């Protein structure tokens, strides 16, 4: 068989000239196999590059979405924390009849939220709107909606429109001003009544500008809310328009838009675009839409095609063995690069392609290594920034007041009182120091009972200076109980209620009796006063947790929650009262010789 094939080849080429034989050999042995193999190589390269390009684009969109999501959650947390502040809700919901109380509320808002408004960059205006007719507006943080302009909108109309909105938290753009964005949050009490609204005006460049002004490959990025309204975009003229796509992550919205596309000027229609679109849903019901120019991808494919054709042309001038070796080397390196890109898409940023050649593929491999290293550092920086932000937010919640400043100030006042030989002022300052030592120590939540008693004694001593000789205090303390542990500041709010709600200072023969006893493995602490008592209907609402009134509902909800947090169902708080005669509040919990820990919910 082989001899016959050899004879046929020799017979076919015998009649050809030397040039013809070289041409036939070139075509049959080198050109055709090379063309076939080079075609496959071109396909593999373009396919591999397209795959890697898509992976890189998807990763870039995902990273951008994570940054946007993290930034939004930071500002949302600031608005929610302000709107859900218990003291702010209580102060906005009460009726004011005394200018002193109004000034105290204004000072509280300025002191507490003036610092809060500076936690994050880009906040150009921070306001708290309310509709309490008995509370003033100070022009700084407290405002009432009136007939004036606010960020291009009528302030009263904006507030009325926000009341009808079903969403408590809402982002929007400023009409006619693409350089600013608005974040608002409803302030609602525990009955669902709207008390006001937190208004935050943000600088667009600080919040979104760095991410969206210079997207990759001259594309466009859009941040769209749950109503498909563009909140931020590379082209700021498109902010505020409603975006339409053929396919949304939400099938219902996608179907509606495909069936009846809107052609108004207020709509940004991308349903007919031939460019590449990517959508990345965010955890906060936003969507990041990326429009990438395919011209860049086509140019890259064309460049790769020209390079490979040039290499193939050069290889055709060499021997078949050299051609085969080089092509195999190229395919091997491309496949290796594709494998490393797959590792990179799975989050293995340590993937490195070793290269030694200084050709085009070597440059691509070098850029891949640089990209992998930069992406790894970017993810690490984002992670560290997220942890640092959470830690900073936790510290801000734990310590809005600097205890050291108060201690130093009290120490200074004590030295001045000692210089003036004012013993009464020294006693007051010492009582304040003891009181704040427990109150402002946010590092501990559990203390011994004798520390809690010292805290209450300091408070009562201050009250005695305020109401001298009006209230008699009796103590019934079991020495066997004071070494046990309790959660801090459980007695002081109850004693404070004797003054605030029991009107103890207006009663002749006023008496407060504080008792602490231990019975087996149970501690019982009680506070008795002969004040005006609690009406039966109010007491019933307090026990059910439905009481709504001035203050924080006699302080019992907070105490019950903290007791349950550490002792679960083993702790109890009971209130007994006879209207017009007396009130007794009793707390029982397990006796603990070691510090109790927070119980995990089962």
Protein backbone atom coordinates (compact mmCIF):
# COMPACT_ATOMS: atom_id res chain seq x y z
CA UNK A 1 0.00 0.00 0.00
CA UNK A 2 2.77 2.36 0.96
CA UNK A 3 4.75 1.44 -2.19
CA UNK A 4 1.76 2.24 -4.36
CA UNK A 5 1.32 5.63 -2.65
CA UNK A 6 4.99 6.42 -3.14
CA UNK A 7 4.78 5.44 -6.84
CA UNK A 8 1.69 7.66 -7.28
CA UNK A 9 3.41 10.65 -5.68
CA UNK A 10 6.52 10.17 -7.74
CA UNK A 11 4.49 9.75 -10.92
CA UNK A 12 2.48 12.90 -10.15
CA UNK A 13 5.53 15.05 -9.49
CA UNK A 14 7.72 13.58 -12.25
CA UNK A 15 6.18 15.76 -14.90
CA UNK A 16 6.47 18.96 -12.80
CA UNK A 17 9.35 21.33 -12.85
CA UNK A 18 11.42 21.96 -9.73
CA UNK A 19 9.47 25.14 -9.06
CA UNK A 20 6.21 23.24 -9.45
CA UNK A 21 7.36 20.52 -7.08
CA UNK A 22 8.32 23.13 -4.48
CA UNK A 23 4.94 24.80 -4.90
CA UNK A 24 3.08 21.48 -4.59
CA UNK A 25 5.11 20.46 -1.57
CA UNK A 26 4.58 23.91 -0.04
CA UNK A 27 0.85 23.78 -0.62
CA UNK A 28 0.22 20.17 0.32
CA UNK A 29 2.73 19.72 3.11
CA UNK A 30 3.07 23.19 4.67
CA UNK A 31 0.40 25.64 3.53
CA UNK A 32 -2.79 23.60 3.87
CA UNK A 33 -1.92 22.05 7.25
CA UNK A 34 -0.72 25.41 8.49
CA UNK A 35 -3.89 27.17 7.33
CA UNK A 36 -6.06 24.54 8.97
CA UNK A 37 -4.12 24.62 12.19
CA UNK A 38 -3.82 28.42 12.21
CA UNK A 39 -7.60 28.72 11.71
CA UNK A 40 -8.14 26.61 14.81
CA UNK A 41 -5.56 28.68 16.67
CA UNK A 42 -7.30 31.93 15.71
CA UNK A 43 -10.62 30.53 16.93
CA UNK A 44 -9.13 29.42 20.23
CA UNK A 45 -7.40 32.75 20.81
CA UNK A 46 -10.44 34.87 20.03
CA UNK A 47 -12.69 32.60 22.06
CA UNK A 48 -10.25 32.60 24.98
CA UNK A 49 -9.83 36.37 24.86
CA UNK A 50 -13.58 36.92 24.61
CA UNK A 51 -14.09 34.61 27.56
CA UNK A 52 -11.42 36.37 29.59
CA UNK A 53 -12.79 39.79 28.60
CA UNK A 54 -16.26 38.79 29.74
CA UNK A 55 -14.92 37.41 33.01
CA UNK A 56 -12.94 40.59 33.62
CA UNK A 57 -15.93 42.79 32.78
CA UNK A 58 -18.24 40.76 35.01
CA UNK A 59 -15.73 40.91 37.85
CA UNK A 60 -15.30 44.67 37.41
CA UNK A 61 -19.09 45.16 37.43
CA UNK A 62 -19.42 42.95 40.50
CA UNK A 63 -16.69 44.83 42.36
CA UNK A 64 -18.26 48.18 41.43
CA UNK A 65 -21.65 46.90 42.62
CA UNK A 66 -20.15 45.85 45.95
CA UNK A 67 -18.60 49.30 46.44
CA UNK A 68 -21.88 51.05 45.54
CA UNK A 69 -23.83 48.71 47.82
CA UNK A 70 -21.42 49.28 50.69
CA UNK A 71 -21.51 53.07 50.24
CA UNK A 72 -25.34 53.07 50.14
CA UNK A 73 -25.61 50.93 53.26
CA UNK A 74 -23.29 53.34 55.11
CA UNK A 75 -25.53 56.34 54.38
CA UNK A 76 -28.69 54.27 54.97
CA UNK A 77 -27.33 53.24 58.37
CA UNK A 78 -26.74 56.90 59.29
CA UNK A 79 -30.31 57.88 58.29
CA UNK A 80 -31.93 54.85 59.97
CA UNK A 81 -29.92 55.30 63.17
CA UNK A 82 -31.01 58.94 63.37
CA UNK A 83 -34.67 58.22 62.58
CA UNK A 84 -34.91 55.38 65.11
CA UNK A 85 -33.22 57.18 67.98
CA UNK A 86 -35.55 56.54 70.93
CA UNK A 87 -34.86 59.81 72.67
CA UNK A 88 -35.45 61.80 69.47
CA UNK A 89 -38.77 60.01 68.85
CA UNK A 90 -39.87 60.68 72.42
CA UNK A 91 -38.97 64.36 72.22
CA UNK A 92 -40.65 64.90 68.83
CA UNK A 93 -43.82 63.16 70.02
CA UNK A 94 -44.38 65.03 73.28
CA UNK A 95 -46.35 68.24 73.86
CA UNK A 96 -44.34 71.23 75.12
CA UNK A 97 -45.69 73.87 77.48
CA UNK A 98 -42.43 75.16 78.94
CA UNK A 99 -39.72 77.02 77.01
CA UNK A 100 -37.10 75.32 79.17
CA UNK A 101 -38.16 71.92 77.83
CA UNK A 102 -38.08 73.26 74.27
CA UNK A 103 -34.56 74.62 74.72
CA UNK A 104 -33.51 71.31 76.27
CA UNK A 105 -34.83 69.41 73.23
CA UNK A 106 -33.12 71.79 70.78
CA UNK A 107 -29.85 71.41 72.69
CA UNK A 108 -30.22 67.62 72.72
CA UNK A 109 -30.74 67.48 68.95
CA UNK A 110 -27.84 69.84 68.23
CA UNK A 111 -25.53 68.09 70.68
CA UNK A 112 -26.35 64.55 69.51
CA UNK A 113 -26.80 64.85 65.76
CA UNK A 114 -24.39 67.67 64.93
CA UNK A 115 -21.60 65.10 65.27
CA UNK A 116 -23.68 62.36 63.60
CA UNK A 117 -24.04 64.49 60.45
CA UNK A 118 -20.24 64.49 60.02
CA UNK A 119 -19.64 60.74 60.27
CA UNK A 120 -19.56 60.21 56.49
CA UNK A 121 -18.05 62.36 53.71
CA UNK A 122 -20.19 64.19 51.18
CA UNK A 123 -23.00 65.35 53.53
CA UNK A 124 -23.69 68.99 52.60
CA UNK A 125 -26.94 69.44 54.55
CA UNK A 126 -28.47 67.45 57.44
CA UNK A 127 -31.95 68.29 58.76
CA UNK A 128 -34.61 66.77 60.98
CA UNK A 129 -38.12 67.86 59.95
CA UNK A 130 -41.06 67.64 62.38
CA UNK A 131 -44.69 68.73 62.57
CA UNK A 132 -44.93 69.22 66.34
CA UNK A 133 -46.74 72.55 66.72
CA UNK A 134 -45.38 73.05 70.23
CA UNK A 135 -41.72 72.59 69.20
CA UNK A 136 -39.73 75.32 67.48
CA UNK A 137 -37.34 75.09 64.53
CA UNK A 138 -33.82 76.33 65.25
CA UNK A 139 -32.64 76.70 61.66
CA UNK A 140 -29.75 74.30 62.23
CA UNK A 141 -30.98 70.72 62.56
CA UNK A 142 -34.64 71.11 63.63
CA UNK A 143 -37.00 72.31 60.85
CA UNK A 144 -40.72 72.45 60.20
CA UNK A 145 -41.99 72.13 56.59
CA UNK A 146 -43.09 75.53 55.31
CA UNK A 147 -43.73 77.29 52.01
CA UNK A 148 -40.11 77.68 50.92
CA UNK A 149 -37.79 76.08 48.40
CA UNK A 150 -35.74 73.01 49.32
CA UNK A 151 -33.32 71.59 46.73
CA UNK A 152 -35.45 72.89 43.87
CA UNK A 153 -38.72 71.67 45.43
CA UNK A 154 -41.48 73.28 47.48
CA UNK A 155 -40.70 72.21 51.05
CA UNK A 156 -44.33 71.72 52.15
CA UNK A 157 -45.25 69.82 48.99
CA UNK A 158 -42.17 67.62 49.35
CA UNK A 159 -43.09 66.75 52.93
CA UNK A 160 -46.72 65.94 52.10
CA UNK A 161 -45.61 63.78 49.18
CA UNK A 162 -43.13 61.91 51.40
CA UNK A 163 -45.92 61.16 53.93
CA UNK A 164 -47.81 59.23 51.25
CA UNK A 165 -44.76 57.25 50.19
CA UNK A 166 -44.92 53.59 51.33
CA UNK A 167 -41.13 53.43 51.65
CA UNK A 168 -39.68 54.76 54.93
CA UNK A 169 -36.22 55.16 53.30
CA UNK A 170 -35.96 56.91 49.93
CA UNK A 171 -33.15 58.09 47.62
CA UNK A 172 -33.75 60.66 44.90
CA UNK A 173 -31.91 63.11 42.68
CA UNK A 174 -32.20 66.88 42.93
CA UNK A 175 -34.31 68.26 40.04
CA UNK A 176 -32.13 70.38 37.78
CA UNK A 177 -28.96 69.74 39.79
CA UNK A 178 -27.13 66.50 38.91
CA UNK A 179 -24.36 67.32 41.38
CA UNK A 180 -26.50 66.52 44.43
CA UNK A 181 -28.56 63.59 45.72
CA UNK A 182 -31.16 63.38 48.49
CA UNK A 183 -31.61 60.67 51.15
CA UNK A 184 -34.69 60.82 53.42
CA UNK A 185 -35.97 58.56 56.21
CA UNK A 186 -39.33 58.69 58.01
CA UNK A 187 -39.37 59.18 61.79
CA UNK A 188 -42.17 56.97 63.14
CA UNK A 189 -43.18 56.29 66.75
CA UNK A 190 -44.15 52.87 68.10
CA UNK A 191 -47.80 53.45 67.12
CA UNK A 192 -46.93 53.97 63.46
CA UNK A 193 -47.58 57.73 63.53
CA UNK A 194 -45.30 59.88 61.35
CA UNK A 195 -43.45 62.37 63.57
CA UNK A 196 -41.07 63.80 61.01
CA UNK A 197 -38.43 63.01 58.43
CA UNK A 198 -34.63 62.95 58.29
CA UNK A 199 -33.31 64.89 55.29
CA UNK A 200 -29.72 64.39 54.09
CA UNK A 201 -28.35 66.30 51.07
CA UNK A 202 -25.33 64.52 49.56
CA UNK A 203 -22.57 65.68 47.24
CA UNK A 204 -22.82 63.54 44.11
CA UNK A 205 -19.08 63.66 43.33
CA UNK A 206 -18.19 62.32 46.78
CA UNK A 207 -20.77 59.51 46.81
CA UNK A 208 -20.87 58.36 43.16
CA UNK A 209 -18.56 60.52 41.06
CA UNK A 210 -15.31 58.58 41.45
CA UNK A 211 -17.00 55.27 40.54
CA UNK A 212 -19.12 56.41 37.61
CA UNK A 213 -17.27 59.30 35.91
CA UNK A 214 -14.50 57.10 34.48
CA UNK A 215 -15.85 53.59 33.79
CA UNK A 216 -13.84 50.88 32.09
CA UNK A 217 -13.39 50.87 28.29
CA UNK A 218 -15.26 54.15 27.74
CA UNK A 219 -18.56 52.54 28.72
CA UNK A 220 -21.40 53.87 30.82
CA UNK A 221 -22.63 52.91 34.27
CA UNK A 222 -26.11 53.47 35.70
CA UNK A 223 -27.36 53.07 39.26
CA UNK A 224 -31.11 52.39 39.13
CA UNK A 225 -33.55 52.21 42.06
CA UNK A 226 -36.43 49.74 42.46
CA UNK A 227 -38.70 51.96 40.32
CA UNK A 228 -36.12 51.85 37.46
CA UNK A 229 -35.28 55.53 37.97
CA UNK A 230 -31.64 56.48 37.26
CA UNK A 231 -30.09 57.83 40.48
CA UNK A 232 -26.52 58.10 39.18
CA UNK A 233 -24.94 57.77 35.75
CA UNK A 234 -21.72 58.40 33.86
CA UNK A 235 -23.59 60.98 31.78
CA UNK A 236 -25.17 63.16 34.43
CA UNK A 237 -27.74 64.49 31.97
CA UNK A 238 -29.39 61.06 32.14
CA UNK A 239 -29.94 61.22 35.93
CA UNK A 240 -33.61 61.14 36.87
CA UNK A 241 -34.76 59.34 33.71
CA UNK A 242 -36.53 55.98 33.77
CA UNK A 243 -34.34 53.24 32.29
CA UNK A 244 -35.78 50.61 29.94
CA UNK A 245 -34.04 47.34 29.05
CA UNK A 246 -35.13 44.22 27.23
CA UNK A 247 -34.22 42.04 30.19
CA UNK A 248 -34.21 42.96 33.87
CA UNK A 249 -33.27 40.71 36.80
CA UNK A 250 -36.94 41.11 37.80
CA UNK A 251 -39.01 39.16 35.20
CA UNK A 252 -42.21 41.07 35.92
CA UNK A 253 -40.63 44.43 35.21
CA UNK A 254 -38.85 43.05 32.17
CA UNK A 255 -42.08 41.70 30.70
CA UNK A 256 -43.94 44.93 31.21
CA UNK A 257 -41.24 47.03 29.58
CA UNK A 258 -40.83 44.69 26.65
CA UNK A 259 -44.57 44.70 26.00
CA UNK A 260 -45.07 48.47 26.09
CA UNK A 261 -41.86 50.53 25.91
CA UNK A 262 -42.17 54.17 26.88
CA UNK A 263 -40.97 56.66 24.26
CA UNK A 264 -41.28 59.85 26.34
CA UNK A 265 -38.32 62.21 26.85
CA UNK A 266 -38.18 61.17 30.51
CA UNK A 267 -37.18 57.63 29.49
CA UNK A 268 -33.73 56.28 28.66
CA UNK A 269 -34.48 53.46 26.22
CA UNK A 270 -31.70 50.87 25.84
CA UNK A 271 -33.93 48.11 24.50
CA UNK A 272 -32.53 48.52 20.96
CA UNK A 273 -28.85 49.00 21.78
CA UNK A 274 -26.30 46.76 20.09
CA UNK A 275 -23.72 47.31 22.80
CA UNK A 276 -23.08 44.78 25.57
CA UNK A 277 -25.24 45.22 28.69
CA UNK A 278 -24.64 43.77 32.14
CA UNK A 279 -26.95 44.08 35.14
CA UNK A 280 -25.90 43.42 38.73
CA UNK A 281 -28.67 43.47 41.38
CA UNK A 282 -27.72 45.00 44.73
CA UNK A 283 -28.91 43.77 48.11
CA UNK A 284 -30.75 47.06 48.67
CA UNK A 285 -33.16 46.62 45.69
CA UNK A 286 -30.98 48.77 43.44
CA UNK A 287 -29.50 47.58 40.17
CA UNK A 288 -26.14 48.44 38.61
CA UNK A 289 -26.37 48.54 34.79
CA UNK A 290 -23.14 48.56 32.76
CA UNK A 291 -23.12 49.52 29.07
CA UNK A 292 -19.84 48.38 27.49
CA UNK A 293 -18.69 49.38 24.02
CA UNK A 294 -18.12 46.33 21.81
CA UNK A 295 -15.85 48.44 19.61
CA UNK A 296 -13.05 47.90 22.09
CA UNK A 297 -13.60 44.13 21.98
CA UNK A 298 -13.71 44.15 18.18
CA UNK A 299 -10.43 46.08 18.04
CA UNK A 300 -8.82 43.60 20.38
CA UNK A 301 -10.05 40.67 18.29
CA UNK A 302 -8.81 42.37 15.14
CA UNK A 303 -5.43 43.00 16.73
CA UNK A 304 -5.11 39.41 17.84
CA UNK A 305 -6.15 38.18 14.38
CA UNK A 306 -3.54 40.36 12.68
CA UNK A 307 -0.87 39.23 15.09
CA UNK A 308 -1.64 35.55 14.57
CA UNK A 309 -1.85 35.91 10.79
CA UNK A 310 1.52 37.67 10.86
CA UNK A 311 3.01 34.92 12.97
CA UNK A 312 1.54 32.27 10.68
CA UNK A 313 2.92 34.08 7.64
CA UNK A 314 6.32 34.17 9.24
CA UNK A 315 6.10 30.50 10.17
CA UNK A 316 5.26 29.59 6.59
CA UNK A 317 8.75 30.69 5.62
CA UNK A 318 10.27 28.22 8.03
CA UNK A 319 10.29 24.49 8.15
CA UNK A 320 7.26 22.42 9.08
CA UNK A 321 8.83 21.29 12.34
CA UNK A 322 9.54 24.88 13.43
CA UNK A 323 5.98 25.86 12.51
CA UNK A 324 4.49 22.99 14.51
CA UNK A 325 6.65 23.77 17.54
CA UNK A 326 5.75 27.43 17.64
CA UNK A 327 2.03 26.85 17.14
CA UNK A 328 1.98 24.24 19.87
CA UNK A 329 3.80 26.68 22.14
CA UNK A 330 1.24 29.39 21.45
CA UNK A 331 -1.72 27.11 22.09
CA UNK A 332 -0.16 25.84 25.30
CA UNK A 333 0.40 29.35 26.61
CA UNK A 334 -3.10 30.47 25.66
CA UNK A 335 -4.65 27.50 27.38
CA UNK A 336 -2.52 28.13 30.44
CA UNK A 337 -3.62 31.78 30.49
CA UNK A 338 -7.24 30.69 30.11
CA UNK A 339 -6.84 28.31 33.06
CA UNK A 340 -5.38 31.07 35.21
CA UNK A 341 -8.18 33.41 34.19
CA UNK A 342 -10.67 30.77 35.27
CA UNK A 343 -8.87 30.62 38.64
CA UNK A 344 -9.10 34.41 38.85
CA UNK A 345 -12.86 34.36 38.13
CA UNK A 346 -13.27 32.01 41.11
CA UNK A 347 -11.56 34.50 43.42
CA UNK A 348 -8.04 32.98 43.45
CA UNK A 349 -6.15 36.26 43.10
CA UNK A 350 -2.80 34.57 43.78
CA UNK A 351 -2.97 32.96 40.31
CA UNK A 352 0.21 33.92 38.38
CA UNK A 353 1.22 33.04 34.83
CA UNK A 354 4.92 32.39 34.48
CA UNK A 355 6.33 33.71 31.23
CA UNK A 356 9.74 34.09 29.69
CA UNK A 357 9.00 35.22 26.10
CA UNK A 358 8.77 38.93 25.31
CA UNK A 359 6.18 38.62 22.55
CA UNK A 360 2.55 39.77 22.46
CA UNK A 361 1.38 36.83 24.56
CA UNK A 362 4.10 37.60 27.08
CA UNK A 363 2.81 41.16 27.34
CA UNK A 364 -0.73 39.80 27.82
CA UNK A 365 0.52 37.42 30.51
CA UNK A 366 2.36 40.28 32.22
CA UNK A 367 -0.77 42.43 32.20
CA UNK A 368 -2.78 39.49 33.54
CA UNK A 369 -0.35 39.15 36.46
CA UNK A 370 -0.61 42.90 37.17
CA UNK A 371 -4.41 42.77 36.93
CA UNK A 372 -4.58 39.78 39.27
CA UNK A 373 -2.38 41.51 41.84
CA UNK A 374 -4.33 44.78 41.66
CA UNK A 375 -7.69 43.00 41.96
CA UNK A 376 -6.43 41.09 44.99
CA UNK A 377 -5.29 44.31 46.66
CA UNK A 378 -8.57 46.02 45.79
CA UNK A 379 -10.65 43.24 47.35
CA UNK A 380 -8.42 43.27 50.44
CA UNK A 381 -8.72 47.06 50.76
CA UNK A 382 -12.50 46.90 50.40
CA UNK A 383 -12.70 44.19 53.05
CA UNK A 384 -10.51 46.18 55.45
CA UNK A 385 -12.52 49.33 54.78
CA UNK A 386 -15.76 47.49 55.49
CA UNK A 387 -14.46 46.11 58.77
CA UNK A 388 -13.08 49.51 59.77
CA UNK A 389 -16.41 51.19 58.96
CA UNK A 390 -18.38 48.67 61.00
CA UNK A 391 -15.97 49.04 63.92
CA UNK A 392 -16.21 52.84 63.72
CA UNK A 393 -20.02 52.72 63.62
CA UNK A 394 -20.04 50.41 66.67
CA UNK A 395 -17.71 52.71 68.58
CA UNK A 396 -19.83 55.71 67.65
CA UNK A 397 -22.94 53.99 68.99
CA UNK A 398 -21.14 52.97 72.20
CA UNK A 399 -19.62 56.33 73.04
CA UNK A 400 -21.31 59.47 71.74
CA UNK A 401 -20.08 61.31 74.85
CA UNK A 402 -16.46 61.30 75.93
CA UNK A 403 -16.45 60.21 79.59
CA UNK A 404 -12.92 61.48 80.13
CA UNK A 405 -14.00 65.03 79.26
CA UNK A 406 -16.80 64.87 81.84
CA UNK A 407 -14.51 63.35 84.50
CA UNK A 408 -11.85 66.01 83.87
CA UNK A 409 -14.47 68.76 83.99
CA UNK A 410 -15.88 67.46 87.28
CA UNK A 411 -12.36 67.20 88.67
CA UNK A 412 -11.70 70.82 87.72
CA UNK A 413 -14.95 71.93 89.37
CA UNK A 414 -14.04 69.99 92.52
CA UNK A 415 -10.67 71.74 92.77
CA UNK A 416 -12.38 75.10 92.36
CA UNK A 417 -14.88 74.18 95.08
CA UNK A 418 -12.05 73.06 97.38
CA UNK A 419 -10.31 76.38 96.81
CA UNK A 420 -13.55 78.13 97.78
CA UNK A 421 -14.05 75.76 100.74
CA UNK A 422 -17.59 75.03 99.50
CA UNK A 423 -18.31 71.64 101.13
CA UNK A 424 -21.82 71.36 99.75
CA UNK A 425 -20.59 71.85 96.18
CA UNK A 426 -17.86 69.27 96.77
CA UNK A 427 -20.48 66.74 97.90
CA UNK A 428 -22.58 67.44 94.82
CA UNK A 429 -19.58 66.99 92.51
CA UNK A 430 -18.56 63.77 94.26
CA UNK A 431 -22.10 62.44 93.84
CA UNK A 432 -22.08 63.37 90.13
CA UNK A 433 -18.70 61.65 89.67
CA UNK A 434 -20.00 58.45 91.27
CA UNK A 435 -23.18 58.63 89.21
CA UNK A 436 -21.43 59.12 85.87
CA UNK A 437 -18.79 56.50 86.63
CA UNK A 438 -21.43 53.83 86.07
CA UNK A 439 -23.68 55.65 83.61
CA UNK A 440 -20.99 56.58 81.07
CA UNK A 441 -18.97 53.37 81.29
CA UNK A 442 -20.02 51.72 78.01
CA UNK A 443 -17.42 48.98 78.40
CA UNK A 444 -19.42 47.09 81.02
CA UNK A 445 -23.05 46.00 81.18
CA UNK A 446 -22.90 43.83 84.31
CA UNK A 447 -21.85 45.02 87.80
CA UNK A 448 -22.14 43.87 91.38
CA UNK A 449 -25.24 44.83 93.35
CA UNK A 450 -23.26 46.99 95.74
CA UNK A 451 -21.99 49.05 92.77
CA UNK A 452 -25.59 49.48 91.60
CA UNK A 453 -26.56 50.62 95.13
CA UNK A 454 -23.70 53.13 95.16
CA UNK A 455 -24.98 54.42 91.83
CA UNK A 456 -28.50 54.85 93.24
CA UNK A 457 -27.15 56.49 96.40
CA UNK A 458 -25.27 59.02 94.28
CA UNK A 459 -28.46 59.82 92.35
CA UNK A 460 -30.48 60.18 95.56
CA UNK A 461 -27.82 62.41 97.06
CA UNK A 462 -28.12 64.70 94.05
CA UNK A 463 -31.90 64.72 94.42
CA UNK A 464 -31.58 65.54 98.11
CA UNK A 465 -29.56 68.62 97.21
CA UNK A 466 -32.24 69.54 94.70
CA UNK A 467 -35.16 68.87 97.08
CA UNK A 468 -33.62 69.29 100.54
CA UNK A 469 -35.55 67.67 103.36
CA UNK A 470 -38.58 66.72 101.23
CA UNK A 471 -37.97 62.97 100.81
CA UNK A 472 -36.88 60.41 103.39
CA UNK A 473 -34.96 57.40 102.09
CA UNK A 474 -34.90 54.03 103.88
CA UNK A 475 -32.57 51.13 103.01
CA UNK A 476 -33.20 47.44 103.70
CA UNK A 477 -30.14 45.67 102.31
CA UNK A 478 -29.27 42.00 102.73
CA UNK A 479 -25.49 41.84 103.08
CA UNK A 480 -25.53 38.34 101.62
CA UNK A 481 -26.86 39.65 98.31
CA UNK A 482 -24.65 42.62 97.50
CA UNK A 483 -21.76 40.51 96.13
CA UNK A 484 -23.98 38.99 93.44
CA UNK A 485 -24.08 40.40 89.91
CA UNK A 486 -26.83 42.40 88.23
CA UNK A 487 -27.13 44.37 85.00
CA UNK A 488 -26.28 48.00 85.56
CA UNK A 489 -28.75 50.91 85.88
CA UNK A 490 -31.88 48.94 86.74
CA UNK A 491 -32.68 50.60 90.08
CA UNK A 492 -31.83 54.19 89.19
CA UNK A 493 -34.53 54.57 86.47
CA UNK A 494 -37.12 53.19 88.89
CA UNK A 495 -36.04 55.63 91.61
CA UNK A 496 -36.06 58.41 89.03
CA UNK A 497 -39.69 57.54 88.22
CA UNK A 498 -40.56 58.22 91.87
CA UNK A 499 -39.61 61.83 91.25
CA UNK A 500 -40.80 62.19 87.65
CA UNK A 501 -44.08 60.25 87.72
CA UNK A 502 -44.77 59.67 91.42
CA UNK A 503 -44.60 63.38 92.32
CA UNK A 504 -42.91 62.31 95.54
CA UNK A 505 -41.58 65.79 96.32
CA UNK A 506 -45.11 67.18 96.64
CA UNK A 507 -46.23 64.58 99.20
CA UNK A 508 -46.06 65.33 102.92
CA UNK A 509 -43.99 62.70 104.71
CA UNK A 510 -42.54 61.51 101.40
CA UNK A 511 -40.76 58.17 101.63
CA UNK A 512 -38.68 56.00 99.31
CA UNK A 513 -37.75 52.53 100.56
CA UNK A 514 -35.14 50.48 98.69
CA UNK A 515 -34.79 46.80 99.60
CA UNK A 516 -32.44 44.06 98.37
CA UNK A 517 -32.86 40.51 99.66
CA UNK A 518 -31.63 37.06 98.73
CA UNK A 519 -33.91 34.05 98.97
CA UNK A 520 -32.06 30.82 98.17
CA UNK A 521 -30.79 31.33 94.57
CA UNK A 522 -32.95 34.33 93.78
CA UNK A 523 -32.26 38.05 94.23
CA UNK A 524 -35.17 40.40 94.82
CA UNK A 525 -34.76 44.18 94.53
CA UNK A 526 -37.69 46.51 95.17
CA UNK A 527 -38.37 50.27 95.26
CA UNK A 528 -41.37 51.55 97.26
CA UNK A 529 -42.66 55.13 97.31
CA UNK A 530 -45.75 56.75 98.83
CA UNK A 531 -46.25 59.09 95.88
CA UNK A 532 -49.36 59.57 93.80
CA UNK A 533 -49.40 55.99 92.48
CA UNK A 534 -50.35 54.78 88.98
CA UNK A 535 -53.91 54.73 87.62
CA UNK A 536 -55.25 51.22 87.02
CA UNK A 537 -55.68 51.65 83.25
CA UNK A 538 -52.17 53.08 82.86
CA UNK A 539 -50.69 50.27 84.97
CA UNK A 540 -52.47 47.73 82.80
CA UNK A 541 -51.06 49.30 79.62
CA UNK A 542 -47.56 49.43 81.12
CA UNK A 543 -47.66 45.73 81.98
CA UNK A 544 -48.84 44.90 78.46
CA UNK A 545 -46.18 47.11 76.91
CA UNK A 546 -48.78 49.24 75.08
CA UNK A 547 -48.52 52.38 77.18
CA UNK A 548 -47.82 55.51 75.12
CA UNK A 549 -47.10 58.70 76.95
CA UNK A 550 -44.42 61.16 77.90
CA UNK A 551 -40.95 59.79 78.46
CA UNK A 552 -40.22 56.12 77.85
CA UNK A 553 -43.20 54.44 79.51
CA UNK A 554 -41.91 54.58 83.15
CA UNK A 555 -38.62 52.99 82.00
CA UNK A 556 -39.98 49.44 82.27
CA UNK A 557 -39.66 48.29 78.62
CA UNK A 558 -35.91 48.93 78.57
CA UNK A 559 -35.37 47.19 81.92
CA UNK A 560 -37.45 44.17 80.89
CA UNK A 561 -35.54 43.80 77.63
CA UNK A 562 -32.14 43.95 79.36
CA UNK A 563 -33.23 41.48 82.05
CA UNK A 564 -34.44 39.05 79.38
CA UNK A 565 -31.19 39.54 77.45
CA UNK A 566 -29.08 38.26 80.35
CA UNK A 567 -31.46 36.09 82.43
CA UNK A 568 -34.18 35.06 79.97
CA UNK A 569 -37.43 33.88 81.52
CA UNK A 570 -35.73 33.50 84.93
CA UNK A 571 -36.02 37.27 85.50
CA UNK A 572 -39.21 39.25 86.12
CA UNK A 573 -40.32 42.83 86.75
CA UNK A 574 -43.58 43.44 88.64
CA UNK A 575 -45.39 46.71 89.40
CA UNK A 576 -47.90 47.12 92.23
CA UNK A 577 -49.69 50.39 92.88
CA UNK A 578 -52.64 51.96 94.63
CA UNK A 579 -53.64 55.22 92.93
CA UNK A 580 -53.09 58.19 95.20
CA UNK A 581 -51.26 56.12 97.84
CA UNK A 582 -48.18 54.13 96.85
CA UNK A 583 -46.23 52.22 94.21
CA UNK A 584 -43.82 49.25 94.50
CA UNK A 585 -41.63 48.01 91.64
CA UNK A 586 -39.96 44.61 92.20
CA UNK A 587 -37.25 42.90 90.18
CA UNK A 588 -36.29 39.24 90.60
CA UNK A 589 -33.46 37.39 88.87
CA UNK A 590 -31.08 34.48 89.58
CA UNK A 591 -28.24 35.09 92.05
CA UNK A 592 -24.95 35.00 90.10
CA UNK A 593 -21.52 34.86 91.72
CA UNK A 594 -19.92 35.21 88.27
CA UNK A 595 -20.72 37.73 85.57
CA UNK A 596 -23.70 36.52 83.49
CA UNK A 597 -23.38 36.57 79.71
CA UNK A 598 -25.86 37.48 77.04
CA UNK A 599 -28.07 34.52 76.23
CA UNK A 600 -28.32 33.46 72.62
CA UNK A 601 -31.79 33.15 71.19
CA UNK A 602 -32.82 29.52 70.72
